[in-house]
Amino acid sequence: MDALKLEDCVNRTCPWSGDPVSADSLTLYNGKVVGFCNTGCRDKFDRARTAFDAVIAGKD
């Protein structure tokens, strides 16, 4: 998989903190690159997304 790039990010501020996104804190969501201010916020999003996906799939 190619590395995610800051220039492909759909947002410029972290959805959790409101701080600017960082190049080392990107993730792919629904085919789009989404950025966060740090890896902690990114990982928090990934955990939340996994939990919601499980509920939607009926695997909670």
C-alpha atoms as a PDB file:
ATOM      1  CA  MET A   1       0.000   0.000   0.000  1.00  0.00           C
ATOM      2  CA  ASP A   2       1.239   3.489  -0.830  1.00  0.00           C
ATOM      3  CA  ALA A   3       1.940   5.851   2.038  1.00  0.00           C
ATOM      4  CA  LEU A   4      -0.843   8.285   2.841  1.00  0.00           C
ATOM      5  CA  LYS A   5       0.007  11.872   1.923  1.00  0.00           C
ATOM      6  CA  LEU A   6      -0.887  15.074   3.717  1.00  0.00           C
ATOM      7  CA  GLU A   7      -1.750  16.768   0.425  1.00  0.00           C
ATOM      8  CA  ASP A   8      -4.473  14.137  -0.171  1.00  0.00           C
ATOM      9  CA  CYS A   9      -6.098  14.786   3.215  1.00  0.00           C
ATOM     10  CA  VAL A  10      -9.745  15.948   3.103  1.00  0.00           C
ATOM     11  CA  ASN A  11      -9.419  18.007   6.305  1.00  0.00           C
ATOM     12  CA  ARG A  12      -6.875  20.483   7.645  1.00  0.00           C
ATOM     13  CA  THR A  13      -7.819  20.369  11.321  1.00  0.00           C
ATOM     14  CA  CYS A  14      -8.197  17.395  13.644  1.00  0.00           C
ATOM     15  CA  PRO A  15     -11.853  16.451  14.192  1.00  0.00           C
ATOM     16  CA  TRP A  16     -11.100  15.650  17.855  1.00  0.00           C
ATOM     17  CA  SER A  17      -8.935  18.609  18.909  1.00  0.00           C
ATOM     18  CA  GLY A  18      -9.290  21.275  16.221  1.00  0.00           C
ATOM     19  CA  ASP A  19      -5.497  21.449  15.912  1.00  0.00           C
ATOM     20  CA  PRO A  20      -3.758  21.252  12.515  1.00  0.00           C
ATOM     21  CA  VAL A  21      -3.337  17.747  11.098  1.00  0.00           C
ATOM     22  CA  SER A  22       0.056  16.062  11.083  1.00  0.00           C
ATOM     23  CA  ALA A  23       1.583  14.008   8.263  1.00  0.00           C
ATOM     24  CA  ASP A  24       2.280  11.087  10.621  1.00  0.00           C
ATOM     25  CA  SER A  25      -1.344  10.922  11.797  1.00  0.00           C
ATOM     26  CA  LEU A  26      -3.339  10.040   8.694  1.00  0.00           C
ATOM     27  CA  THR A  27      -5.783   7.222   8.115  1.00  0.00           C
ATOM     28  CA  LEU A  28      -7.932   5.991   5.271  1.00  0.00           C
ATOM     29  CA  TYR A  29     -11.690   6.179   5.796  1.00  0.00           C
ATOM     30  CA  ASN A  30     -14.247   5.322   3.106  1.00  0.00           C
ATOM     31  CA  GLY A  31     -11.575   5.762   0.466  1.00  0.00           C
ATOM     32  CA  LYS A  32     -10.518   9.215   1.707  1.00  0.00           C
ATOM     33  CA  VAL A  33      -7.436  10.319   3.599  1.00  0.00           C
ATOM     34  CA  VAL A  34      -8.437  11.814   6.960  1.00  0.00           C
ATOM     35  CA  GLY A  35      -5.937  13.610   9.173  1.00  0.00           C
ATOM     36  CA  PHE A  36      -5.492  14.054  12.896  1.00  0.00           C
ATOM     37  CA  CYS A  37      -3.174  16.208  15.002  1.00  0.00           C
ATOM     38  CA  ASN A  38      -1.329  13.226  16.479  1.00  0.00           C
ATOM     39  CA  THR A  39      -1.304   9.454  16.399  1.00  0.00           C
ATOM     40  CA  GLY A  40      -3.337   9.277  19.616  1.00  0.00           C
ATOM     41  CA  CYS A  41      -6.283  11.070  18.011  1.00  0.00           C
ATOM     42  CA  ARG A  42      -5.924   8.935  14.882  1.00  0.00           C
ATOM     43  CA  ASP A  43      -5.922   5.739  16.936  1.00  0.00           C
ATOM     44  CA  LYS A  44      -8.935   6.933  18.956  1.00  0.00           C
ATOM     45  CA  PHE A  45     -10.804   7.432  15.670  1.00  0.00           C
ATOM     46  CA  ASP A  46      -9.773   3.996  14.400  1.00  0.00           C
ATOM     47  CA  ARG A  47     -11.034   2.355  17.625  1.00  0.00           C
ATOM     48  CA  ALA A  48     -14.339   4.249  17.448  1.00  0.00           C
ATOM     49  CA  ARG A  49     -14.780   3.385  13.781  1.00  0.00           C
ATOM     50  CA  THR A  50     -14.150  -0.307  14.475  1.00  0.00           C
ATOM     51  CA  ALA A  51     -16.724  -0.292  17.286  1.00  0.00           C
ATOM     52  CA  PHE A  52     -19.370   1.395  15.094  1.00  0.00           C
ATOM     53  CA  ASP A  53     -18.651  -0.949  12.181  1.00  0.00           C
ATOM     54  CA  ALA A  54     -19.152  -3.937  14.500  1.00  0.00           C
ATOM     55  CA  VAL A  55     -22.502  -2.605  15.729  1.00  0.00           C
ATOM     56  CA  ILE A  56     -23.677  -1.910  12.192  1.00  0.00           C
ATOM     57  CA  ALA A  57     -22.654  -5.422  11.163  1.00  0.00           C
ATOM     58  CA  GLY A  58     -24.531  -6.881  14.153  1.00  0.00           C
ATOM     59  CA  LYS A  59     -21.366  -8.140  15.809  1.00  0.00           C
ATOM     60  CA  ASP A  60     -21.479  -6.111  19.015  1.00  0.00           C
END
